[in-house]
C-alpha atoms as a PDB file:
ATOM      1  CA  MET A   1      47.194  25.263   1.587  1.00  0.00           C
ATOM      2  CA  SER A   2      47.115  22.226   3.824  1.00  0.00           C
ATOM      3  CA  GLN A   3      44.142  23.670   5.687  1.00  0.00           C
ATOM      4  CA  ARG A   4      42.179  23.913   2.488  1.00  0.00           C
ATOM      5  CA  ARG A   5      43.158  20.379   1.548  1.00  0.00           C
ATOM      6  CA  ALA A   6      42.108  19.133   4.960  1.00  0.00           C
ATOM      7  CA  LYS A   7      38.730  20.969   4.762  1.00  0.00           C
ATOM      8  CA  ARG A   8      38.116  19.529   1.275  1.00  0.00           C
ATOM      9  CA  ARG A   9      38.967  16.014   2.592  1.00  0.00           C
ATOM     10  CA  ARG A  10      36.556  16.390   5.482  1.00  0.00           C
ATOM     11  CA  ALA A  11      33.825  17.523   3.030  1.00  0.00           C
ATOM     12  CA  VAL A  12      34.418  14.545   0.854  1.00  0.00           C
ATOM     13  CA  MET A  13      34.249  12.250   3.940  1.00  0.00           C
ATOM     14  CA  ARG A  14      30.937  13.862   4.984  1.00  0.00           C
ATOM     15  CA  GLY A  15      29.509  13.333   1.566  1.00  0.00           C
ATOM     16  CA  GLU A  16      30.592   9.686   1.533  1.00  0.00           C
ATOM     17  CA  GLU A  17      29.120   9.226   4.982  1.00  0.00           C
ATOM     18  CA  ALA A  18      25.829  10.776   3.936  1.00  0.00           C
ATOM     19  CA  ARG A  19      25.666   8.521   0.858  1.00  0.00           C
ATOM     20  CA  ARG A  20      26.348   5.469   3.062  1.00  0.00           C
ATOM     21  CA  ARG A  21      23.648   6.465   5.473  1.00  0.00           C
ATOM     22  CA  GLU A  22      21.116   7.064   2.615  1.00  0.00           C
ATOM     23  CA  ARG A  23      21.926   3.691   1.143  1.00  0.00           C
ATOM     24  CA  ALA A  24      21.437   1.944   4.468  1.00  0.00           C
ATOM     25  CA  ARG A  25      18.134   3.828   5.022  1.00  0.00           C
ATOM     26  CA  ARG A  26      16.864   2.690   1.594  1.00  0.00           C
ATOM     27  CA  LEU A  27      17.893  -0.868   2.325  1.00  0.00           C
ATOM     28  CA  ARG A  28      16.050  -0.836   5.677  1.00  0.00           C
ATOM     29  CA  ARG A  29      13.025   0.548   4.008  1.00  0.00           C
ATOM     30  CA  ARG A  30      13.077  -2.134   1.237  1.00  0.00           C
ATOM     31  CA  ILE A  31      13.404  -4.819   3.917  1.00  0.00           C
ATOM     32  CA  ALA A  32      10.494  -3.344   5.845  1.00  0.00           C
ATOM     33  CA  TYR A  33       8.252  -3.312   2.740  1.00  0.00           C
ATOM     34  CA  ALA A  34       9.225  -6.871   1.794  1.00  0.00           C
ATOM     35  CA  THR A  35       8.494  -8.060   5.329  1.00  0.00           C
ATOM     36  CA  ALA A  36       5.120  -6.359   5.366  1.00  0.00           C
ATOM     37  CA  ALA A  37       4.197  -7.839   2.038  1.00  0.00           C
ATOM     38  CA  PHE A  38       5.319 -11.288   3.228  1.00  0.00           C
ATOM     39  CA  VAL A  39       3.253 -11.025   6.410  1.00  0.00           C
ATOM     40  CA  ALA A  40       0.188  -9.832   4.477  1.00  0.00           C
ATOM     41  CA  VAL A  41       0.419 -12.757   2.021  1.00  0.00           C
ATOM     42  CA  ALA A  42       0.876 -15.195   4.882  1.00  0.00           C
ATOM     43  CA  PHE A  43      -2.191 -13.861   6.692  1.00  0.00           C
ATOM     44  CA  VAL A  44      -4.333 -13.983   3.514  1.00  0.00           C
ATOM     45  CA  THR A  45      -3.078 -17.521   2.753  1.00  0.00           C
ATOM     46  CA  THR A  46      -3.881 -18.663   6.250  1.00  0.00           C
ATOM     47  CA  GLY A  47      -7.372 -17.179   6.017  1.00  0.00           C
ATOM     48  CA  VAL A  48      -8.115 -18.732   2.643  1.00  0.00           C
ATOM     49  CA  LEU A  49      -6.842 -22.154   3.728  1.00  0.00           C
ATOM     50  CA  ALA A  50      -8.941 -21.956   6.913  1.00  0.00           C
ATOM     51  CA  TYR A  51     -12.027 -21.056   4.899  1.00  0.00           C
ATOM     52  CA  VAL A  52     -11.434 -23.734   2.270  1.00  0.00           C
ATOM     53  CA  THR A  53     -10.764 -26.524   4.748  1.00  0.00           C
ATOM     54  CA  MET A  54     -13.498 -25.779   7.278  1.00  0.00           C
ATOM     55  CA  ASP A  55     -16.461 -27.967   7.648  1.00  0.00           C
ATOM     56  CA  PRO A  56     -19.594 -26.782   5.847  1.00  0.00           C
ATOM     57  CA  PRO A  57     -22.161 -25.252   8.132  1.00  0.00           C
ATOM     58  CA  ALA A  58     -25.077 -27.500   9.159  1.00  0.00           C
ATOM     59  CA  ARG A  59     -28.058 -26.735   6.929  1.00  0.00           C
ATOM     60  CA  SER A  60     -31.411 -26.709   8.713  1.00  0.00           C
ATOM     61  CA  SER A  61     -34.029 -27.467   6.131  1.00  0.00           C
ATOM     62  CA  PRO A  62     -37.664 -26.713   7.012  1.00  0.00           C
ATOM     63  CA  ALA A  63     -38.715 -30.262   5.956  1.00  0.00           C
ATOM     64  CA  ALA A  64     -36.444 -31.895   8.507  1.00  0.00           C
ATOM     65  CA  SER A  65     -37.974 -30.028  11.434  1.00  0.00           C
ATOM     66  CA  PRO A  66     -41.229 -31.455  12.926  1.00  0.00           C
END
């Protein structure tokens, strides 16, 4: 009887451990997606700001050249 109880207890512990690992895996994945999204937004923002704040290119008009 005690062997059956011990076996059942080990099975419950395995299930709890599996749930804990799954929860940790989901949390890591969520953090990874959030980090990737943040980095993407930072890169796009940097590019837009660089484009907006850059000096306009020098225009060469045909009338100005001799």
